[in-house]
C-alpha atoms as a PDB file:
ATOM      1  CA  UNK A   1     -61.242   3.924 110.181  1.00  0.00           C
ATOM      2  CA  UNK A   2     -60.973   0.841 112.487  1.00  0.00           C
ATOM      3  CA  UNK A   3     -58.456  -1.621 111.020  1.00  0.00           C
ATOM      4  CA  UNK A   4     -54.756  -0.766 110.960  1.00  0.00           C
ATOM      5  CA  UNK A   5     -53.594  -3.467 108.523  1.00  0.00           C
ATOM      6  CA  UNK A   6     -55.070  -4.968 105.362  1.00  0.00           C
ATOM      7  CA  UNK A   7     -57.501  -7.889 105.645  1.00  0.00           C
ATOM      8  CA  UNK A   8     -57.887 -10.323 102.751  1.00  0.00           C
ATOM      9  CA  UNK A   9     -55.771 -11.549  99.859  1.00  0.00           C
ATOM     10  CA  UNK A  10     -52.152 -10.485 100.400  1.00  0.00           C
ATOM     11  CA  UNK A  11     -53.079  -8.678 103.621  1.00  0.00           C
ATOM     12  CA  UNK A  12     -51.425  -8.757 107.041  1.00  0.00           C
ATOM     13  CA  UNK A  13     -54.584 -10.374 108.447  1.00  0.00           C
ATOM     14  CA  UNK A  14     -54.243  -9.644 112.156  1.00  0.00           C
ATOM     15  CA  UNK A  15     -56.607 -12.001 113.946  1.00  0.00           C
ATOM     16  CA  UNK A  16     -58.692  -9.358 115.744  1.00  0.00           C
ATOM     17  CA  UNK A  17     -59.065  -7.326 112.530  1.00  0.00           C
ATOM     18  CA  UNK A  18     -60.113 -10.419 110.553  1.00  0.00           C
ATOM     19  CA  UNK A  19     -62.738 -11.137 113.240  1.00  0.00           C
ATOM     20  CA  UNK A  20     -63.997  -7.547 112.898  1.00  0.00           C
ATOM     21  CA  UNK A  21     -64.351  -7.721 109.092  1.00  0.00           C
ATOM     22  CA  UNK A  22     -65.907 -11.205 109.192  1.00  0.00           C
ATOM     23  CA  UNK A  23     -68.577 -10.135 111.677  1.00  0.00           C
ATOM     24  CA  UNK A  24     -69.471  -6.975 109.743  1.00  0.00           C
ATOM     25  CA  UNK A  25     -69.729  -8.882 106.452  1.00  0.00           C
ATOM     26  CA  UNK A  26     -71.982 -11.459 108.097  1.00  0.00           C
ATOM     27  CA  UNK A  27     -74.188  -8.749 109.576  1.00  0.00           C
ATOM     28  CA  UNK A  28     -74.548  -7.176 106.141  1.00  0.00           C
ATOM     29  CA  UNK A  29     -75.341 -10.584 104.635  1.00  0.00           C
ATOM     30  CA  UNK A  30     -78.428 -10.830 106.855  1.00  0.00           C
ATOM     31  CA  UNK A  31     -79.958  -8.030 104.754  1.00  0.00           C
ATOM     32  CA  UNK A  32     -78.324  -8.779 101.396  1.00  0.00           C
ATOM     33  CA  UNK A  33     -78.886 -12.405 100.378  1.00  0.00           C
ATOM     34  CA  UNK A  34     -76.273 -12.133  97.621  1.00  0.00           C
ATOM     35  CA  UNK A  35     -73.515 -11.824 100.213  1.00  0.00           C
ATOM     36  CA  UNK A  36     -71.926 -14.698 102.138  1.00  0.00           C
ATOM     37  CA  UNK A  37     -72.493 -15.500 105.817  1.00  0.00           C
ATOM     38  CA  UNK A  38     -69.133 -16.255 107.407  1.00  0.00           C
ATOM     39  CA  UNK A  39     -68.037 -18.239 110.421  1.00  0.00           C
ATOM     40  CA  UNK A  40     -66.079 -15.674 112.434  1.00  0.00           C
ATOM     41  CA  UNK A  41     -62.846 -17.441 113.374  1.00  0.00           C
ATOM     42  CA  UNK A  42     -60.199 -14.748 112.894  1.00  0.00           C
ATOM     43  CA  UNK A  43     -58.624 -16.700 110.027  1.00  0.00           C
ATOM     44  CA  UNK A  44     -58.589 -15.191 106.548  1.00  0.00           C
ATOM     45  CA  UNK A  45     -59.185 -18.293 104.480  1.00  0.00           C
ATOM     46  CA  UNK A  46     -60.736 -18.885 101.075  1.00  0.00           C
ATOM     47  CA  UNK A  47     -64.316 -18.276 102.293  1.00  0.00           C
ATOM     48  CA  UNK A  48     -63.438 -14.897 103.795  1.00  0.00           C
ATOM     49  CA  UNK A  49     -61.612 -13.795 100.643  1.00  0.00           C
ATOM     50  CA  UNK A  50     -64.581 -14.868  98.514  1.00  0.00           C
ATOM     51  CA  UNK A  51     -66.960 -12.944 100.800  1.00  0.00           C
ATOM     52  CA  UNK A  52     -64.791  -9.817 100.484  1.00  0.00           C
ATOM     53  CA  UNK A  53     -64.712 -10.229  96.694  1.00  0.00           C
ATOM     54  CA  UNK A  54     -68.523 -10.472  96.520  1.00  0.00           C
ATOM     55  CA  UNK A  55     -68.926  -7.414  98.738  1.00  0.00           C
ATOM     56  CA  UNK A  56     -66.514  -5.402  96.574  1.00  0.00           C
ATOM     57  CA  UNK A  57     -68.201  -6.490  93.349  1.00  0.00           C
ATOM     58  CA  UNK A  58     -71.846  -6.176  94.416  1.00  0.00           C
ATOM     59  CA  UNK A  59     -71.799  -3.336  96.950  1.00  0.00           C
ATOM     60  CA  UNK A  60     -68.635  -1.271  96.384  1.00  0.00           C
ATOM     61  CA  UNK A  61     -69.030  -1.795  92.608  1.00  0.00           C
ATOM     62  CA  UNK A  62     -65.313  -2.305  91.996  1.00  0.00           C
ATOM     63  CA  UNK A  63     -64.507  -3.202  88.415  1.00  0.00           C
ATOM     64  CA  UNK A  64     -61.612  -5.416  89.544  1.00  0.00           C
ATOM     65  CA  UNK A  65     -62.136  -6.625  93.128  1.00  0.00           C
ATOM     66  CA  UNK A  66     -58.853  -7.444  94.869  1.00  0.00           C
ATOM     67  CA  UNK A  67     -60.364  -9.486  97.750  1.00  0.00           C
ATOM     68  CA  UNK A  68     -58.676  -7.174 100.239  1.00  0.00           C
ATOM     69  CA  UNK A  69     -59.981  -4.510 102.604  1.00  0.00           C
ATOM     70  CA  UNK A  70     -57.394  -1.810 103.278  1.00  0.00           C
ATOM     71  CA  UNK A  71     -57.311   0.599 106.224  1.00  0.00           C
ATOM     72  CA  UNK A  72     -59.386   3.694 105.483  1.00  0.00           C
ATOM     73  CA  UNK A  73     -60.000   2.423 101.945  1.00  0.00           C
ATOM     74  CA  UNK A  74     -63.251   2.521 100.000  1.00  0.00           C
ATOM     75  CA  UNK A  75     -64.199  -1.045 100.940  1.00  0.00           C
ATOM     76  CA  UNK A  76     -63.773  -0.493 104.691  1.00  0.00           C
ATOM     77  CA  UNK A  77     -65.600   2.839 104.590  1.00  0.00           C
ATOM     78  CA  UNK A  78     -68.562   1.472 102.657  1.00  0.00           C
ATOM     79  CA  UNK A  79     -68.765  -1.690 104.787  1.00  0.00           C
ATOM     80  CA  UNK A  80     -68.942   0.436 107.933  1.00  0.00           C
ATOM     81  CA  UNK A  81     -71.441   2.836 106.351  1.00  0.00           C
ATOM     82  CA  UNK A  82     -73.756  -0.017 105.316  1.00  0.00           C
ATOM     83  CA  UNK A  83     -73.672  -1.644 108.755  1.00  0.00           C
ATOM     84  CA  UNK A  84     -74.283   1.765 110.354  1.00  0.00           C
ATOM     85  CA  UNK A  85     -77.426   2.062 108.244  1.00  0.00           C
ATOM     86  CA  UNK A  86     -78.679  -1.125 109.925  1.00  0.00           C
ATOM     87  CA  UNK A  87     -77.758  -0.083 113.481  1.00  0.00           C
ATOM     88  CA  UNK A  88     -75.558   2.892 114.300  1.00  0.00           C
ATOM     89  CA  UNK A  89     -74.270   1.229 117.492  1.00  0.00           C
ATOM     90  CA  UNK A  90     -73.103  -2.095 116.041  1.00  0.00           C
ATOM     91  CA  UNK A  91     -69.771  -1.154 114.461  1.00  0.00           C
ATOM     92  CA  UNK A  92     -68.426   0.479 117.608  1.00  0.00           C
ATOM     93  CA  UNK A  93     -69.603  -2.484 119.669  1.00  0.00           C
ATOM     94  CA  UNK A  94     -67.920  -5.068 117.427  1.00  0.00           C
ATOM     95  CA  UNK A  95     -64.754  -2.966 117.292  1.00  0.00           C
ATOM     96  CA  UNK A  96     -64.628  -2.688 121.089  1.00  0.00           C
ATOM     97  CA  UNK A  97     -65.072  -6.454 121.432  1.00  0.00           C
ATOM     98  CA  UNK A  98     -61.970  -7.009 119.312  1.00  0.00           C
ATOM     99  CA  UNK A  99     -59.880  -4.234 120.840  1.00  0.00           C
ATOM    100  CA  UNK A 100     -60.147  -1.832 117.901  1.00  0.00           C
ATOM    101  CA  UNK A 101     -60.668   1.914 117.971  1.00  0.00           C
ATOM    102  CA  UNK A 102     -61.710   4.321 115.249  1.00  0.00           C
ATOM    103  CA  UNK A 103     -58.709   6.198 113.899  1.00  0.00           C
ATOM    104  CA  UNK A 104     -58.599   9.931 114.527  1.00  0.00           C
ATOM    105  CA  UNK A 105     -59.265  12.551 111.897  1.00  0.00           C
ATOM    106  CA  UNK A 106     -56.777  12.838 109.054  1.00  0.00           C
ATOM    107  CA  UNK A 107     -53.907  15.102 109.943  1.00  0.00           C
ATOM    108  CA  UNK A 108     -53.573  17.723 107.255  1.00  0.00           C
ATOM    109  CA  UNK A 109     -50.206  19.032 106.261  1.00  0.00           C
ATOM    110  CA  UNK A 110     -49.264  22.674 106.229  1.00  0.00           C
ATOM    111  CA  UNK A 111     -46.085  24.028 104.703  1.00  0.00           C
ATOM    112  CA  UNK A 112     -44.943  24.578 101.135  1.00  0.00           C
ATOM    113  CA  UNK A 113     -46.851  22.905  98.308  1.00  0.00           C
ATOM    114  CA  UNK A 114     -45.152  22.279  94.973  1.00  0.00           C
ATOM    115  CA  UNK A 115     -46.833  21.768  91.602  1.00  0.00           C
ATOM    116  CA  UNK A 116     -44.464  20.375  88.953  1.00  0.00           C
ATOM    117  CA  UNK A 117     -45.332  20.902  85.290  1.00  0.00           C
ATOM    118  CA  UNK A 118     -44.136  17.971  83.199  1.00  0.00           C
ATOM    119  CA  UNK A 119     -42.348  18.511  79.918  1.00  0.00           C
ATOM    120  CA  UNK A 120     -45.422  18.623  77.646  1.00  0.00           C
ATOM    121  CA  UNK A 121     -47.604  20.602  80.058  1.00  0.00           C
ATOM    122  CA  UNK A 122     -47.799  24.300  79.235  1.00  0.00           C
ATOM    123  CA  UNK A 123     -47.654  26.500  82.333  1.00  0.00           C
ATOM    124  CA  UNK A 124     -50.922  28.314  81.700  1.00  0.00           C
ATOM    125  CA  UNK A 125     -52.963  27.208  84.722  1.00  0.00           C
ATOM    126  CA  UNK A 126     -54.161  30.187  86.766  1.00  0.00           C
ATOM    127  CA  UNK A 127     -53.038  30.884  90.316  1.00  0.00           C
ATOM    128  CA  UNK A 128     -56.664  30.409  91.324  1.00  0.00           C
ATOM    129  CA  UNK A 129     -56.677  26.831  89.955  1.00  0.00           C
ATOM    130  CA  UNK A 130     -53.266  26.087  91.440  1.00  0.00           C
ATOM    131  CA  UNK A 131     -54.465  27.152  94.874  1.00  0.00           C
ATOM    132  CA  UNK A 132     -57.532  24.915  94.631  1.00  0.00           C
ATOM    133  CA  UNK A 133     -55.211  21.977  93.956  1.00  0.00           C
ATOM    134  CA  UNK A 134     -52.965  23.030  96.841  1.00  0.00           C
ATOM    135  CA  UNK A 135     -55.948  23.088  99.172  1.00  0.00           C
ATOM    136  CA  UNK A 136     -56.700  19.455  98.261  1.00  0.00           C
ATOM    137  CA  UNK A 137     -53.004  18.673  98.783  1.00  0.00           C
ATOM    138  CA  UNK A 138     -53.247  20.164 102.273  1.00  0.00           C
ATOM    139  CA  UNK A 139     -56.089  17.869 103.222  1.00  0.00           C
ATOM    140  CA  UNK A 140     -54.265  14.830 101.809  1.00  0.00           C
ATOM    141  CA  UNK A 141     -51.040  15.733 103.592  1.00  0.00           C
ATOM    142  CA  UNK A 142     -48.904  15.814 100.445  1.00  0.00           C
ATOM    143  CA  UNK A 143     -46.282  18.393  99.535  1.00  0.00           C
ATOM    144  CA  UNK A 144     -46.009  17.931  95.759  1.00  0.00           C
ATOM    145  CA  UNK A 145     -47.773  16.574  92.712  1.00  0.00           C
ATOM    146  CA  UNK A 146     -47.342  16.883  88.952  1.00  0.00           C
ATOM    147  CA  UNK A 147     -49.475  18.383  86.209  1.00  0.00           C
ATOM    148  CA  UNK A 148     -49.016  16.292  83.085  1.00  0.00           C
ATOM    149  CA  UNK A 149     -51.340  18.097  80.656  1.00  0.00           C
ATOM    150  CA  UNK A 150     -52.959  21.528  80.383  1.00  0.00           C
ATOM    151  CA  UNK A 151     -53.776  23.512  77.234  1.00  0.00           C
ATOM    152  CA  UNK A 152     -52.921  21.511  74.113  1.00  0.00           C
ATOM    153  CA  UNK A 153     -52.158  22.711  70.613  1.00  0.00           C
ATOM    154  CA  UNK A 154     -53.518  20.757  67.653  1.00  0.00           C
ATOM    155  CA  UNK A 155     -50.063  19.204  67.302  1.00  0.00           C
ATOM    156  CA  UNK A 156     -50.078  18.219  70.985  1.00  0.00           C
ATOM    157  CA  UNK A 157     -53.471  16.567  70.676  1.00  0.00           C
ATOM    158  CA  UNK A 158     -52.457  14.656  67.561  1.00  0.00           C
ATOM    159  CA  UNK A 159     -49.229  13.473  69.228  1.00  0.00           C
ATOM    160  CA  UNK A 160     -51.048  12.280  72.348  1.00  0.00           C
ATOM    161  CA  UNK A 161     -53.672  10.419  70.336  1.00  0.00           C
ATOM    162  CA  UNK A 162     -51.068   8.907  68.004  1.00  0.00           C
ATOM    163  CA  UNK A 163     -49.036   7.619  70.957  1.00  0.00           C
ATOM    164  CA  UNK A 164     -52.146   6.229  72.588  1.00  0.00           C
ATOM    165  CA  UNK A 165     -53.285   4.429  69.448  1.00  0.00           C
ATOM    166  CA  UNK A 166     -49.833   3.015  68.725  1.00  0.00           C
ATOM    167  CA  UNK A 167     -49.626   1.633  72.270  1.00  0.00           C
ATOM    168  CA  UNK A 168     -52.170  -1.007  71.187  1.00  0.00           C
ATOM    169  CA  UNK A 169     -50.561  -2.606  68.105  1.00  0.00           C
ATOM    170  CA  UNK A 170     -53.119  -5.419  67.931  1.00  0.00           C
ATOM    171  CA  UNK A 171     -56.009  -2.969  67.500  1.00  0.00           C
ATOM    172  CA  UNK A 172     -57.114  -2.674  63.880  1.00  0.00           C
ATOM    173  CA  UNK A 173     -60.062  -0.271  64.226  1.00  0.00           C
ATOM    174  CA  UNK A 174     -61.590   2.297  66.548  1.00  0.00           C
ATOM    175  CA  UNK A 175     -63.859  -0.401  67.978  1.00  0.00           C
ATOM    176  CA  UNK A 176     -61.046  -2.868  68.730  1.00  0.00           C
ATOM    177  CA  UNK A 177     -58.934  -0.035  70.148  1.00  0.00           C
ATOM    178  CA  UNK A 178     -61.746   0.854  72.559  1.00  0.00           C
ATOM    179  CA  UNK A 179     -62.065  -2.772  73.620  1.00  0.00           C
ATOM    180  CA  UNK A 180     -58.311  -3.120  74.137  1.00  0.00           C
ATOM    181  CA  UNK A 181     -57.873  -0.102  76.402  1.00  0.00           C
ATOM    182  CA  UNK A 182     -61.314  -0.096  78.046  1.00  0.00           C
ATOM    183  CA  UNK A 183     -62.445   3.413  77.104  1.00  0.00           C
ATOM    184  CA  UNK A 184     -63.021   5.543  74.038  1.00  0.00           C
ATOM    185  CA  UNK A 185     -63.450   9.082  72.755  1.00  0.00           C
ATOM    186  CA  UNK A 186     -66.742  10.565  71.644  1.00  0.00           C
ATOM    187  CA  UNK A 187     -67.562  11.072  67.955  1.00  0.00           C
ATOM    188  CA  UNK A 188     -64.961  13.789  67.265  1.00  0.00           C
ATOM    189  CA  UNK A 189     -62.144  11.822  68.862  1.00  0.00           C
ATOM    190  CA  UNK A 190     -63.211   8.662  67.060  1.00  0.00           C
ATOM    191  CA  UNK A 191     -62.978  10.543  63.764  1.00  0.00           C
ATOM    192  CA  UNK A 192     -59.333  11.375  64.521  1.00  0.00           C
ATOM    193  CA  UNK A 193     -58.619   7.753  65.477  1.00  0.00           C
ATOM    194  CA  UNK A 194     -60.121   6.671  62.154  1.00  0.00           C
ATOM    195  CA  UNK A 195     -57.468   8.813  60.484  1.00  0.00           C
ATOM    196  CA  UNK A 196     -54.788   6.960  62.472  1.00  0.00           C
ATOM    197  CA  UNK A 197     -55.942   3.563  61.184  1.00  0.00           C
ATOM    198  CA  UNK A 198     -56.242   4.906  57.637  1.00  0.00           C
ATOM    199  CA  UNK A 199     -52.860   6.670  57.525  1.00  0.00           C
ATOM    200  CA  UNK A 200     -50.558   4.725  59.868  1.00  0.00           C
ATOM    201  CA  UNK A 201     -49.091   2.676  57.005  1.00  0.00           C
ATOM    202  CA  UNK A 202     -47.820   5.950  55.462  1.00  0.00           C
ATOM    203  CA  UNK A 203     -45.386   6.429  58.331  1.00  0.00           C
ATOM    204  CA  UNK A 204     -45.473   8.362  61.593  1.00  0.00           C
ATOM    205  CA  UNK A 205     -44.823  11.837  60.145  1.00  0.00           C
ATOM    206  CA  UNK A 206     -47.593  11.705  57.538  1.00  0.00           C
ATOM    207  CA  UNK A 207     -49.998  10.051  59.953  1.00  0.00           C
ATOM    208  CA  UNK A 208     -49.381  12.721  62.628  1.00  0.00           C
ATOM    209  CA  UNK A 209     -49.943  15.517  60.111  1.00  0.00           C
ATOM    210  CA  UNK A 210     -53.209  13.969  58.926  1.00  0.00           C
ATOM    211  CA  UNK A 211     -54.415  13.548  62.519  1.00  0.00           C
ATOM    212  CA  UNK A 212     -53.454  17.128  63.380  1.00  0.00           C
ATOM    213  CA  UNK A 213     -55.313  18.426  60.314  1.00  0.00           C
ATOM    214  CA  UNK A 214     -58.395  16.449  61.358  1.00  0.00           C
ATOM    215  CA  UNK A 215     -58.292  17.819  64.905  1.00  0.00           C
ATOM    216  CA  UNK A 216     -58.023  21.364  63.523  1.00  0.00           C
ATOM    217  CA  UNK A 217     -60.816  20.955  60.979  1.00  0.00           C
ATOM    218  CA  UNK A 218     -63.152  19.529  63.612  1.00  0.00           C
ATOM    219  CA  UNK A 219     -62.394  22.435  65.933  1.00  0.00           C
ATOM    220  CA  UNK A 220     -63.276  24.905  63.177  1.00  0.00           C
ATOM    221  CA  UNK A 221     -66.624  23.095  62.883  1.00  0.00           C
ATOM    222  CA  UNK A 222     -67.186  23.617  66.605  1.00  0.00           C
ATOM    223  CA  UNK A 223     -66.386  19.991  67.486  1.00  0.00           C
ATOM    224  CA  UNK A 224     -63.829  19.554  70.261  1.00  0.00           C
ATOM    225  CA  UNK A 225     -61.777  16.374  70.365  1.00  0.00           C
ATOM    226  CA  UNK A 226     -60.687  17.240  73.911  1.00  0.00           C
ATOM    227  CA  UNK A 227     -61.419  20.070  76.329  1.00  0.00           C
ATOM    228  CA  UNK A 228     -57.647  20.411  76.656  1.00  0.00           C
ATOM    229  CA  UNK A 229     -57.488  21.372  72.979  1.00  0.00           C
ATOM    230  CA  UNK A 230     -59.143  24.793  72.846  1.00  0.00           C
ATOM    231  CA  UNK A 231     -58.217  28.391  72.133  1.00  0.00           C
ATOM    232  CA  UNK A 232     -56.231  30.298  74.761  1.00  0.00           C
ATOM    233  CA  UNK A 233     -59.257  32.556  75.283  1.00  0.00           C
ATOM    234  CA  UNK A 234     -61.478  29.565  76.057  1.00  0.00           C
ATOM    235  CA  UNK A 235     -58.838  28.047  78.324  1.00  0.00           C
ATOM    236  CA  UNK A 236     -58.748  31.233  80.382  1.00  0.00           C
ATOM    237  CA  UNK A 237     -62.459  30.743  81.037  1.00  0.00           C
ATOM    238  CA  UNK A 238     -62.052  27.118  82.127  1.00  0.00           C
ATOM    239  CA  UNK A 239     -58.745  25.501  83.098  1.00  0.00           C
ATOM    240  CA  UNK A 240     -58.541  21.825  82.152  1.00  0.00           C
ATOM    241  CA  UNK A 241     -55.652  19.766  83.511  1.00  0.00           C
ATOM    242  CA  UNK A 242     -54.501  16.265  84.403  1.00  0.00           C
ATOM    243  CA  UNK A 243     -52.719  15.155  87.582  1.00  0.00           C
ATOM    244  CA  UNK A 244     -51.120  11.686  87.138  1.00  0.00           C
ATOM    245  CA  UNK A 245     -51.583   9.146  89.906  1.00  0.00           C
ATOM    246  CA  UNK A 246     -47.876   8.337  89.686  1.00  0.00           C
ATOM    247  CA  UNK A 247     -46.966  11.810  90.974  1.00  0.00           C
ATOM    248  CA  UNK A 248     -48.771  11.315  94.297  1.00  0.00           C
ATOM    249  CA  UNK A 249     -47.429   9.062  97.042  1.00  0.00           C
ATOM    250  CA  UNK A 250     -49.352   5.786  96.849  1.00  0.00           C
ATOM    251  CA  UNK A 251     -50.267   5.946 100.540  1.00  0.00           C
ATOM    252  CA  UNK A 252     -51.866   9.386 100.050  1.00  0.00           C
ATOM    253  CA  UNK A 253     -53.778   8.885  96.779  1.00  0.00           C
ATOM    254  CA  UNK A 254     -57.065   7.950  98.440  1.00  0.00           C
ATOM    255  CA  UNK A 255     -56.972  11.021 100.690  1.00  0.00           C
ATOM    256  CA  UNK A 256     -56.109  13.291  97.752  1.00  0.00           C
ATOM    257  CA  UNK A 257     -58.906  11.830  95.642  1.00  0.00           C
ATOM    258  CA  UNK A 258     -61.373  12.274  98.497  1.00  0.00           C
ATOM    259  CA  UNK A 259     -60.294  15.905  98.920  1.00  0.00           C
ATOM    260  CA  UNK A 260     -60.790  16.562  95.186  1.00  0.00           C
ATOM    261  CA  UNK A 261     -64.230  14.956  95.410  1.00  0.00           C
ATOM    262  CA  UNK A 262     -65.082  17.249  98.299  1.00  0.00           C
ATOM    263  CA  UNK A 263     -64.754  20.334  96.117  1.00  0.00           C
ATOM    264  CA  UNK A 264     -66.101  18.909  92.835  1.00  0.00           C
ATOM    265  CA  UNK A 265     -69.581  19.425  91.407  1.00  0.00           C
ATOM    266  CA  UNK A 266     -69.635  16.420  89.070  1.00  0.00           C
ATOM    267  CA  UNK A 267     -67.623  13.202  89.342  1.00  0.00           C
ATOM    268  CA  UNK A 268     -67.352  10.615  86.572  1.00  0.00           C
ATOM    269  CA  UNK A 269     -65.862   7.124  86.281  1.00  0.00           C
ATOM    270  CA  UNK A 270     -65.921   6.304  89.978  1.00  0.00           C
ATOM    271  CA  UNK A 271     -67.082   3.163  91.729  1.00  0.00           C
ATOM    272  CA  UNK A 272     -69.209   4.778  94.408  1.00  0.00           C
ATOM    273  CA  UNK A 273     -71.643   7.650  94.882  1.00  0.00           C
ATOM    274  CA  UNK A 274     -71.393  10.850  96.882  1.00  0.00           C
ATOM    275  CA  UNK A 275     -74.089  13.264  98.028  1.00  0.00           C
ATOM    276  CA  UNK A 276     -74.812  16.383  95.991  1.00  0.00           C
ATOM    277  CA  UNK A 277     -73.388  19.674  97.199  1.00  0.00           C
ATOM    278  CA  UNK A 278     -73.603  23.359  96.408  1.00  0.00           C
ATOM    279  CA  UNK A 279     -70.296  25.069  97.303  1.00  0.00           C
ATOM    280  CA  UNK A 280     -67.800  23.688  94.769  1.00  0.00           C
ATOM    281  CA  UNK A 281     -64.753  24.949  92.901  1.00  0.00           C
ATOM    282  CA  UNK A 282     -64.039  22.099  90.455  1.00  0.00           C
ATOM    283  CA  UNK A 283     -66.799  21.762  87.850  1.00  0.00           C
ATOM    284  CA  UNK A 284     -65.927  18.217  86.836  1.00  0.00           C
ATOM    285  CA  UNK A 285     -63.560  15.560  88.180  1.00  0.00           C
ATOM    286  CA  UNK A 286     -62.950  12.499  86.005  1.00  0.00           C
ATOM    287  CA  UNK A 287     -61.096   9.623  87.615  1.00  0.00           C
ATOM    288  CA  UNK A 288     -59.355   8.115  84.604  1.00  0.00           C
ATOM    289  CA  UNK A 289     -57.098   5.086  84.173  1.00  0.00           C
ATOM    290  CA  UNK A 290     -53.847   6.979  84.866  1.00  0.00           C
ATOM    291  CA  UNK A 291     -54.786  10.415  86.147  1.00  0.00           C
ATOM    292  CA  UNK A 292     -57.292  12.767  87.747  1.00  0.00           C
ATOM    293  CA  UNK A 293     -58.819  15.059  85.106  1.00  0.00           C
ATOM    294  CA  UNK A 294     -59.984  18.430  86.476  1.00  0.00           C
ATOM    295  CA  UNK A 295     -62.128  21.134  84.881  1.00  0.00           C
ATOM    296  CA  UNK A 296     -62.050  24.402  86.840  1.00  0.00           C
ATOM    297  CA  UNK A 297     -64.158  27.411  85.743  1.00  0.00           C
ATOM    298  CA  UNK A 298     -62.342  30.706  86.204  1.00  0.00           C
ATOM    299  CA  UNK A 299     -65.065  32.545  88.068  1.00  0.00           C
ATOM    300  CA  UNK A 300     -64.844  35.892  89.808  1.00  0.00           C
ATOM    301  CA  UNK A 301     -63.606  34.120  92.896  1.00  0.00           C
ATOM    302  CA  UNK A 302     -60.527  34.498  95.012  1.00  0.00           C
ATOM    303  CA  UNK A 303     -58.784  31.608  96.647  1.00  0.00           C
ATOM    304  CA  UNK A 304     -56.151  31.708  99.367  1.00  0.00           C
ATOM    305  CA  UNK A 305     -53.925  28.725 100.004  1.00  0.00           C
ATOM    306  CA  UNK A 306     -52.582  27.635 103.379  1.00  0.00           C
ATOM    307  CA  UNK A 307     -49.551  29.851 102.969  1.00  0.00           C
ATOM    308  CA  UNK A 308     -51.850  32.874 102.752  1.00  0.00           C
ATOM    309  CA  UNK A 309     -51.209  33.713  99.093  1.00  0.00           C
ATOM    310  CA  UNK A 310     -54.121  35.659  97.612  1.00  0.00           C
ATOM    311  CA  UNK A 311     -54.916  34.996  93.951  1.00  0.00           C
ATOM    312  CA  UNK A 312     -57.070  37.334  91.887  1.00  0.00           C
ATOM    313  CA  UNK A 313     -58.922  35.820  88.967  1.00  0.00           C
ATOM    314  CA  UNK A 314     -60.173  39.077  87.452  1.00  0.00           C
ATOM    315  CA  UNK A 315     -58.858  42.577  87.409  1.00  0.00           C
ATOM    316  CA  UNK A 316     -60.317  44.508  90.275  1.00  0.00           C
ATOM    317  CA  UNK A 317     -61.144  41.464  92.400  1.00  0.00           C
ATOM    318  CA  UNK A 318     -59.985  42.050  95.943  1.00  0.00           C
ATOM    319  CA  UNK A 319     -57.901  39.483  97.861  1.00  0.00           C
ATOM    320  CA  UNK A 320     -59.836  37.275 100.269  1.00  0.00           C
ATOM    321  CA  UNK A 321     -60.006  38.245 103.887  1.00  0.00           C
ATOM    322  CA  UNK A 322     -59.133  35.854 106.703  1.00  0.00           C
ATOM    323  CA  UNK A 323     -62.870  35.409 107.335  1.00  0.00           C
ATOM    324  CA  UNK A 324     -63.494  34.396 103.709  1.00  0.00           C
ATOM    325  CA  UNK A 325     -60.670  31.865 103.871  1.00  0.00           C
ATOM    326  CA  UNK A 326     -62.066  30.464 107.094  1.00  0.00           C
ATOM    327  CA  UNK A 327     -65.491  30.144 105.453  1.00  0.00           C
ATOM    328  CA  UNK A 328     -64.066  28.268 102.447  1.00  0.00           C
ATOM    329  CA  UNK A 329     -62.123  25.879 104.636  1.00  0.00           C
ATOM    330  CA  UNK A 330     -65.104  25.232 106.927  1.00  0.00           C
ATOM    331  CA  UNK A 331     -67.286  24.449 103.894  1.00  0.00           C
ATOM    332  CA  UNK A 332     -64.742  21.960 102.582  1.00  0.00           C
ATOM    333  CA  UNK A 333     -64.260  20.386 105.997  1.00  0.00           C
ATOM    334  CA  UNK A 334     -68.017  19.878 106.128  1.00  0.00           C
ATOM    335  CA  UNK A 335     -68.044  18.279 102.670  1.00  0.00           C
ATOM    336  CA  UNK A 336     -65.168  15.976 103.558  1.00  0.00           C
ATOM    337  CA  UNK A 337     -67.003  15.000 106.724  1.00  0.00           C
ATOM    338  CA  UNK A 338     -70.026  14.000 104.653  1.00  0.00           C
ATOM    339  CA  UNK A 339     -67.823  11.994 102.305  1.00  0.00           C
ATOM    340  CA  UNK A 340     -66.159  10.214 105.222  1.00  0.00           C
ATOM    341  CA  UNK A 341     -69.567   8.841 106.227  1.00  0.00           C
ATOM    342  CA  UNK A 342     -70.543   7.761 102.732  1.00  0.00           C
ATOM    343  CA  UNK A 343     -67.306   6.327 101.287  1.00  0.00           C
END
């Protein structure tokens, strides 16, 4: 966007960029009485940090405000969007006054894209789904990322849930476990966690077996503990996978997340809103505590990645033409453009 260095707690705090942020926050405060009016002095002191924290908590809806506005981050984008709603000419005028220019469009990377399956991730994701991920990688300018979880067996699901429960040794019940980690499963998953707290004193092996048996019995009743844990036939209809944040360069995570949002129908667990859209490939994107969770229906669609690889999702489906690929990319560019104005 406009600033090149972070402004706020732990930021670089270049004087002209601090001036810019202070003036925009003050402008916004004239319409939102909950926000602080600042004296624009180019110094990032306690009052400026407090004003940033209030803006992040009340407007950006961050769960843990860091009192810092980063270049091209959610806080800067939303601050600019809100001021633009007041007067579309103001931001550019304030930026010009302080010698700032809007950064150019994100440069997207071409070249080889690599998806790495981690040790417990079964390589069952379709080429169609892989190419959707690679398209998002293109727009983020990253060359590789990992897939940490795909289709899970009952044993896999029990192991994952056992490890998760045991990571919180002070939790003594499903309720205290949820409080300790900040999230919880629905009813079926809670039933498996109940087994953990009932059986953990019997030792890991017996506890794991009891949890696995519970996962399996629930599935036979039509109750899924996780959409990862389904039959192979069901998985072929909808690929479910996790991409860990740790596998994506920290400087590119925001761009990658934005690209995923641009091709997702439903987004959960995020701190901001996006406009609805029609042309999507990912049915649901959940931004979790350690990973992006993707659910991708395997429709009768064909996707071509930047390297021109055609992927057929059903027998008899023809590879995409260059015109179809151009149409897909133009649609996603349009969606990302909309997001850039809202985020």
